[in-house]
PDB file of all heavy atoms in Angstrom:
ATOM      1  N   PRO A   1     -46.954 -41.335 -26.345  1.00  0.00           N
ATOM      2  CA  PRO A   1     -46.770 -40.625 -25.081  1.00  0.00           C
ATOM      3  C   PRO A   1     -47.735 -40.887 -24.098  1.00  0.00           C
ATOM      4  O   PRO A   1     -48.884 -40.969 -24.281  1.00  0.00           O
ATOM      5  CB  PRO A   1     -46.918 -39.136 -25.705  1.00  0.00           C
ATOM      6  CG  PRO A   1     -46.540 -39.218 -27.070  1.00  0.00           C
ATOM      7  CD  PRO A   1     -47.001 -40.565 -27.599  1.00  0.00           C
ATOM      8  N   GLN A   2     -47.273 -41.079 -22.812  1.00  0.00           N
ATOM      9  CA  GLN A   2     -47.983 -41.302 -21.705  1.00  0.00           C
ATOM     10  C   GLN A   2     -48.881 -42.466 -21.733  1.00  0.00           C
ATOM     11  O   GLN A   2     -49.960 -42.620 -21.115  1.00  0.00           O
ATOM     12  CB  GLN A   2     -48.947 -40.106 -21.322  1.00  0.00           C
ATOM     13  CG  GLN A   2     -48.178 -38.896 -20.762  1.00  0.00           C
ATOM     14  CD  GLN A   2     -47.616 -38.001 -21.781  1.00  0.00           C
ATOM     15  OE1 GLN A   2     -48.254 -37.701 -22.685  1.00  0.00           O
ATOM     16  NE2 GLN A   2     -46.311 -37.760 -21.661  1.00  0.00           N
ATOM     17  N   GLU A   3     -48.464 -43.451 -22.512  1.00  0.00           N
ATOM     18  CA  GLU A   3     -49.215 -44.884 -22.692  1.00  0.00           C
ATOM     19  C   GLU A   3     -48.564 -45.806 -21.666  1.00  0.00           C
ATOM     20  O   GLU A   3     -47.404 -46.214 -22.013  1.00  0.00           O
ATOM     21  CB  GLU A   3     -49.197 -45.298 -23.971  1.00  0.00           C
ATOM     22  CG  GLU A   3     -49.988 -46.635 -24.164  1.00  0.00           C
ATOM     23  CD  GLU A   3     -51.381 -46.558 -23.585  1.00  0.00           C
ATOM     24  OE1 GLU A   3     -52.247 -45.905 -24.072  1.00  0.00           O
ATOM     25  OE2 GLU A   3     -51.597 -47.200 -22.589  1.00  0.00           O
ATOM     26  N   PHE A   4     -49.249 -46.169 -20.582  1.00  0.00           N
ATOM     27  CA  PHE A   4     -48.625 -46.992 -19.531  1.00  0.00           C
ATOM     28  C   PHE A   4     -49.171 -48.432 -19.560  1.00  0.00           C
ATOM     29  O   PHE A   4     -48.754 -49.241 -18.843  1.00  0.00           O
ATOM     30  CB  PHE A   4     -48.911 -46.319 -18.162  1.00  0.00           C
ATOM     31  CG  PHE A   4     -48.395 -44.969 -18.078  1.00  0.00           C
ATOM     32  CD1 PHE A   4     -49.225 -43.865 -18.043  1.00  0.00           C
ATOM     33  CD2 PHE A   4     -47.007 -44.677 -17.967  1.00  0.00           C
ATOM     34  CE1 PHE A   4     -48.786 -42.556 -17.900  1.00  0.00           C
ATOM     35  CE2 PHE A   4     -46.545 -43.295 -18.002  1.00  0.00           C
ATOM     36  CZ  PHE A   4     -47.434 -42.324 -17.871  1.00  0.00           C
ATOM     37  N   ARG A   5     -50.156 -48.661 -20.372  1.00  0.00           N
ATOM     38  CA  ARG A   5     -50.624 -49.957 -20.501  1.00  0.00           C
ATOM     39  C   ARG A   5     -49.699 -51.002 -21.129  1.00  0.00           C
ATOM     40  O   ARG A   5     -48.766 -50.566 -21.754  1.00  0.00           O
ATOM     41  CB  ARG A   5     -51.991 -50.032 -21.279  1.00  0.00           C
ATOM     42  CG  ARG A   5     -53.241 -49.335 -20.526  1.00  0.00           C
ATOM     43  CD  ARG A   5     -54.374 -49.212 -21.402  1.00  0.00           C
ATOM     44  NE  ARG A   5     -54.258 -48.244 -22.420  1.00  0.00           N
ATOM     45  CZ  ARG A   5     -55.144 -47.936 -23.323  1.00  0.00           C
ATOM     46  NH1 ARG A   5     -56.319 -48.493 -23.319  1.00  0.00           N
ATOM     47  NH2 ARG A   5     -54.800 -47.005 -24.113  1.00  0.00           N
ATOM     48  N   VAL A   6     -50.041 -52.262 -21.194  1.00  0.00           N
ATOM     49  CA  VAL A   6     -49.124 -53.209 -21.717  1.00  0.00           C
ATOM     50  C   VAL A   6     -49.965 -54.248 -22.466  1.00  0.00           C
ATOM     51  O   VAL A   6     -51.138 -54.548 -21.974  1.00  0.00           O
ATOM     52  CB  VAL A   6     -48.164 -53.852 -20.825  1.00  0.00           C
ATOM     53  CG1 VAL A   6     -48.842 -54.639 -19.809  1.00  0.00           C
ATOM     54  CG2 VAL A   6     -47.159 -54.838 -21.488  1.00  0.00           C
ATOM     55  N   GLY A   7     -49.568 -54.861 -23.585  1.00  0.00           N
ATOM     56  CA  GLY A   7     -50.478 -55.695 -24.412  1.00  0.00           C
ATOM     57  C   GLY A   7     -50.668 -57.134 -23.718  1.00  0.00           C
ATOM     58  O   GLY A   7     -51.680 -57.670 -24.080  1.00  0.00           O
ATOM     59  N   LEU A   8     -49.791 -57.605 -23.004  1.00  0.00           N
ATOM     60  CA  LEU A   8     -49.904 -58.890 -22.317  1.00  0.00           C
ATOM     61  C   LEU A   8     -49.740 -58.733 -20.854  1.00  0.00           C
ATOM     62  O   LEU A   8     -48.681 -58.117 -20.413  1.00  0.00           O
ATOM     63  CB  LEU A   8     -48.824 -59.860 -22.882  1.00  0.00           C
ATOM     64  CG  LEU A   8     -48.933 -60.492 -24.271  1.00  0.00           C
ATOM     65  CD1 LEU A   8     -47.875 -61.381 -24.612  1.00  0.00           C
ATOM     66  CD2 LEU A   8     -50.284 -61.262 -24.317  1.00  0.00           C
ATOM     67  N   THR A   9     -50.529 -59.342 -20.111  1.00  0.00           N
ATOM     68  CA  THR A   9     -50.353 -59.482 -18.638  1.00  0.00           C
ATOM     69  C   THR A   9     -49.520 -60.666 -18.309  1.00  0.00           C
ATOM     70  O   THR A   9     -49.438 -61.613 -19.161  1.00  0.00           O
ATOM     71  CB  THR A   9     -51.607 -59.567 -17.904  1.00  0.00           C
ATOM     72  OG1 THR A   9     -52.321 -60.904 -18.302  1.00  0.00           O
ATOM     73  CG2 THR A   9     -52.563 -58.419 -18.200  1.00  0.00           C
ATOM     74  N   PRO A  10     -48.959 -60.845 -17.225  1.00  0.00           N
ATOM     75  CA  PRO A  10     -48.206 -62.003 -16.841  1.00  0.00           C
ATOM     76  C   PRO A  10     -49.122 -63.284 -16.946  1.00  0.00           C
ATOM     77  O   PRO A  10     -48.607 -64.377 -17.338  1.00  0.00           O
ATOM     78  CB  PRO A  10     -47.675 -61.789 -15.405  1.00  0.00           C
ATOM     79  CG  PRO A  10     -47.538 -60.322 -15.304  1.00  0.00           C
ATOM     80  CD  PRO A  10     -48.680 -59.665 -16.221  1.00  0.00           C
ATOM     81  N   ASN A  11     -50.433 -63.066 -16.469  1.00  0.00           N
ATOM     82  CA  ASN A  11     -51.329 -64.168 -16.590  1.00  0.00           C
ATOM     83  C   ASN A  11     -51.532 -64.741 -18.046  1.00  0.00           C
ATOM     84  O   ASN A  11     -51.653 -65.920 -18.420  1.00  0.00           O
ATOM     85  CB  ASN A  11     -52.609 -63.910 -16.060  1.00  0.00           C
ATOM     86  CG  ASN A  11     -52.656 -63.918 -14.492  1.00  0.00           C
ATOM     87  OD1 ASN A  11     -51.821 -64.455 -13.897  1.00  0.00           O
ATOM     88  ND2 ASN A  11     -53.617 -63.317 -13.975  1.00  0.00           N
ATOM     89  N   ALA A  12     -51.564 -63.767 -19.072  1.00  0.00           N
ATOM     90  CA  ALA A  12     -51.795 -64.115 -20.510  1.00  0.00           C
ATOM     91  C   ALA A  12     -50.548 -64.824 -20.936  1.00  0.00           C
ATOM     92  O   ALA A  12     -50.577 -65.755 -21.742  1.00  0.00           O
ATOM     93  CB  ALA A  12     -52.144 -62.819 -21.256  1.00  0.00           C
ATOM     94  N   ALA A  13     -49.383 -64.194 -20.532  1.00  0.00           N
ATOM     95  CA  ALA A  13     -48.058 -64.858 -20.904  1.00  0.00           C
ATOM     96  C   ALA A  13     -48.032 -66.281 -20.447  1.00  0.00           C
ATOM     97  O   ALA A  13     -47.636 -67.162 -21.258  1.00  0.00           O
ATOM     98  CB  ALA A  13     -46.949 -64.070 -20.360  1.00  0.00           C
ATOM     99  N   GLN A  14     -48.392 -66.553 -19.162  1.00  0.00           N
ATOM    100  CA  GLN A  14     -48.390 -67.851 -18.590  1.00  0.00           C
ATOM    101  C   GLN A  14     -49.368 -68.826 -19.394  1.00  0.00           C
ATOM    102  O   GLN A  14     -48.913 -69.972 -19.651  1.00  0.00           O
ATOM    103  CB  GLN A  14     -48.777 -67.754 -17.216  1.00  0.00           C
ATOM    104  CG  GLN A  14     -48.644 -69.151 -16.492  1.00  0.00           C
ATOM    105  CD  GLN A  14     -48.909 -69.046 -14.911  1.00  0.00           C
ATOM    106  OE1 GLN A  14     -49.120 -67.950 -14.380  1.00  0.00           O
ATOM    107  NE2 GLN A  14     -49.007 -70.156 -14.300  1.00  0.00           N
ATOM    108  N   GLU A  15     -50.479 -68.374 -19.770  1.00  0.00           N
ATOM    109  CA  GLU A  15     -51.391 -69.108 -20.552  1.00  0.00           C
ATOM    110  C   GLU A  15     -50.852 -69.487 -21.875  1.00  0.00           C
ATOM    111  O   GLU A  15     -50.938 -70.666 -22.315  1.00  0.00           O
ATOM    112  CB  GLU A  15     -52.738 -68.461 -20.811  1.00  0.00           C
ATOM    113  CG  GLU A  15     -53.555 -68.374 -19.469  1.00  0.00           C
ATOM    114  CD  GLU A  15     -54.158 -69.668 -19.045  1.00  0.00           C
ATOM    115  OE1 GLU A  15     -54.434 -70.459 -19.906  1.00  0.00           O
ATOM    116  OE2 GLU A  15     -54.472 -69.837 -17.814  1.00  0.00           O
ATOM    117  N   ALA A  16     -50.244 -68.626 -22.547  1.00  0.00           N
ATOM    118  CA  ALA A  16     -49.604 -68.777 -23.844  1.00  0.00           C
ATOM    119  C   ALA A  16     -48.541 -69.814 -23.851  1.00  0.00           C
ATOM    120  O   ALA A  16     -48.423 -70.737 -24.654  1.00  0.00           O
ATOM    121  CB  ALA A  16     -49.106 -67.504 -24.495  1.00  0.00           C
ATOM    122  N   VAL A  17     -47.713 -69.673 -22.757  1.00  0.00           N
ATOM    123  CA  VAL A  17     -46.580 -70.571 -22.515  1.00  0.00           C
ATOM    124  C   VAL A  17     -47.104 -72.054 -22.256  1.00  0.00           C
ATOM    125  O   VAL A  17     -46.633 -73.068 -22.764  1.00  0.00           O
ATOM    126  CB  VAL A  17     -45.758 -70.166 -21.391  1.00  0.00           C
ATOM    127  CG1 VAL A  17     -44.677 -71.246 -20.951  1.00  0.00           C
ATOM    128  CG2 VAL A  17     -44.926 -68.914 -21.801  1.00  0.00           C
ATOM    129  N   ALA A  18     -48.229 -72.131 -21.532  1.00  0.00           N
ATOM    130  CA  ALA A  18     -48.857 -73.399 -21.223  1.00  0.00           C
ATOM    131  C   ALA A  18     -49.338 -74.026 -22.477  1.00  0.00           C
ATOM    132  O   ALA A  18     -49.463 -75.259 -22.519  1.00  0.00           O
ATOM    133  CB  ALA A  18     -49.929 -73.214 -20.141  1.00  0.00           C
ATOM    134  N   HIS A  19     -49.689 -73.187 -23.399  1.00  0.00           N
ATOM    135  CA  HIS A  19     -50.225 -73.775 -24.736  1.00  0.00           C
ATOM    136  C   HIS A  19     -49.135 -74.132 -25.741  1.00  0.00           C
ATOM    137  O   HIS A  19     -49.290 -74.484 -26.815  1.00  0.00           O
ATOM    138  CB  HIS A  19     -51.145 -72.836 -25.436  1.00  0.00           C
ATOM    139  CG  HIS A  19     -52.606 -72.740 -24.871  1.00  0.00           C
ATOM    140  ND1 HIS A  19     -53.682 -72.781 -25.557  1.00  0.00           N
ATOM    141  CD2 HIS A  19     -53.062 -72.569 -23.614  1.00  0.00           C
ATOM    142  CE1 HIS A  19     -54.708 -72.774 -24.906  1.00  0.00           C
ATOM    143  NE2 HIS A  19     -54.327 -72.598 -23.656  1.00  0.00           N
ATOM    144  N   GLY A  20     -47.792 -73.999 -25.183  1.00  0.00           N
ATOM    145  CA  GLY A  20     -46.775 -74.413 -26.031  1.00  0.00           C
ATOM    146  C   GLY A  20     -46.092 -73.318 -26.898  1.00  0.00           C
ATOM    147  O   GLY A  20     -45.212 -73.531 -27.727  1.00  0.00           O
ATOM    148  N   HIS A  21     -46.405 -72.078 -26.622  1.00  0.00           N
ATOM    149  CA  HIS A  21     -45.869 -70.966 -27.410  1.00  0.00           C
ATOM    150  C   HIS A  21     -44.709 -70.343 -26.728  1.00  0.00           C
ATOM    151  O   HIS A  21     -44.628 -70.358 -25.486  1.00  0.00           O
ATOM    152  CB  HIS A  21     -47.051 -69.962 -27.672  1.00  0.00           C
ATOM    153  CG  HIS A  21     -48.233 -70.564 -28.438  1.00  0.00           C
ATOM    154  ND1 HIS A  21     -48.189 -71.067 -29.624  1.00  0.00           N
ATOM    155  CD2 HIS A  21     -49.565 -70.799 -27.839  1.00  0.00           C
ATOM    156  CE1 HIS A  21     -49.425 -71.613 -29.900  1.00  0.00           C
ATOM    157  NE2 HIS A  21     -50.162 -71.441 -28.939  1.00  0.00           N
ATOM    158  N   GLY A  22     -43.903 -69.660 -27.381  1.00  0.00           N
ATOM    159  CA  GLY A  22     -42.868 -68.752 -26.935  1.00  0.00           C
ATOM    160  C   GLY A  22     -43.399 -67.297 -26.739  1.00  0.00           C
ATOM    161  O   GLY A  22     -43.938 -66.796 -27.576  1.00  0.00           O
ATOM    162  N   VAL A  23     -43.050 -66.700 -25.635  1.00  0.00           N
ATOM    163  CA  VAL A  23     -43.414 -65.407 -25.385  1.00  0.00           C
ATOM    164  C   VAL A  23     -42.234 -64.488 -25.082  1.00  0.00           C
ATOM    165  O   VAL A  23     -41.285 -64.883 -24.202  1.00  0.00           O
ATOM    166  CB  VAL A  23     -44.453 -65.265 -24.177  1.00  0.00           C
ATOM    167  CG1 VAL A  23     -44.808 -63.825 -23.866  1.00  0.00           C
ATOM    168  CG2 VAL A  23     -45.632 -66.040 -24.467  1.00  0.00           C
ATOM    169  N   MET A  24     -42.135 -63.322 -25.760  1.00  0.00           N
ATOM    170  CA  MET A  24     -40.989 -62.441 -25.572  1.00  0.00           C
ATOM    171  C   MET A  24     -41.705 -61.059 -25.150  1.00  0.00           C
ATOM    172  O   MET A  24     -42.552 -60.500 -25.769  1.00  0.00           O
ATOM    173  CB  MET A  24     -40.374 -62.047 -26.799  1.00  0.00           C
ATOM    174  CG  MET A  24     -39.439 -63.295 -27.368  1.00  0.00           C
ATOM    175  SD  MET A  24     -38.912 -62.944 -29.038  1.00  0.00           S
ATOM    176  CE  MET A  24     -40.452 -63.023 -29.948  1.00  0.00           C
TER     177      MET A  24
END
């Protein structure tokens, strides 16, 4: 309840993709 944060930022997702990983 009332948790508005998220575990991955778009920047973190971009870094993971650049390392060759899939991000959902």
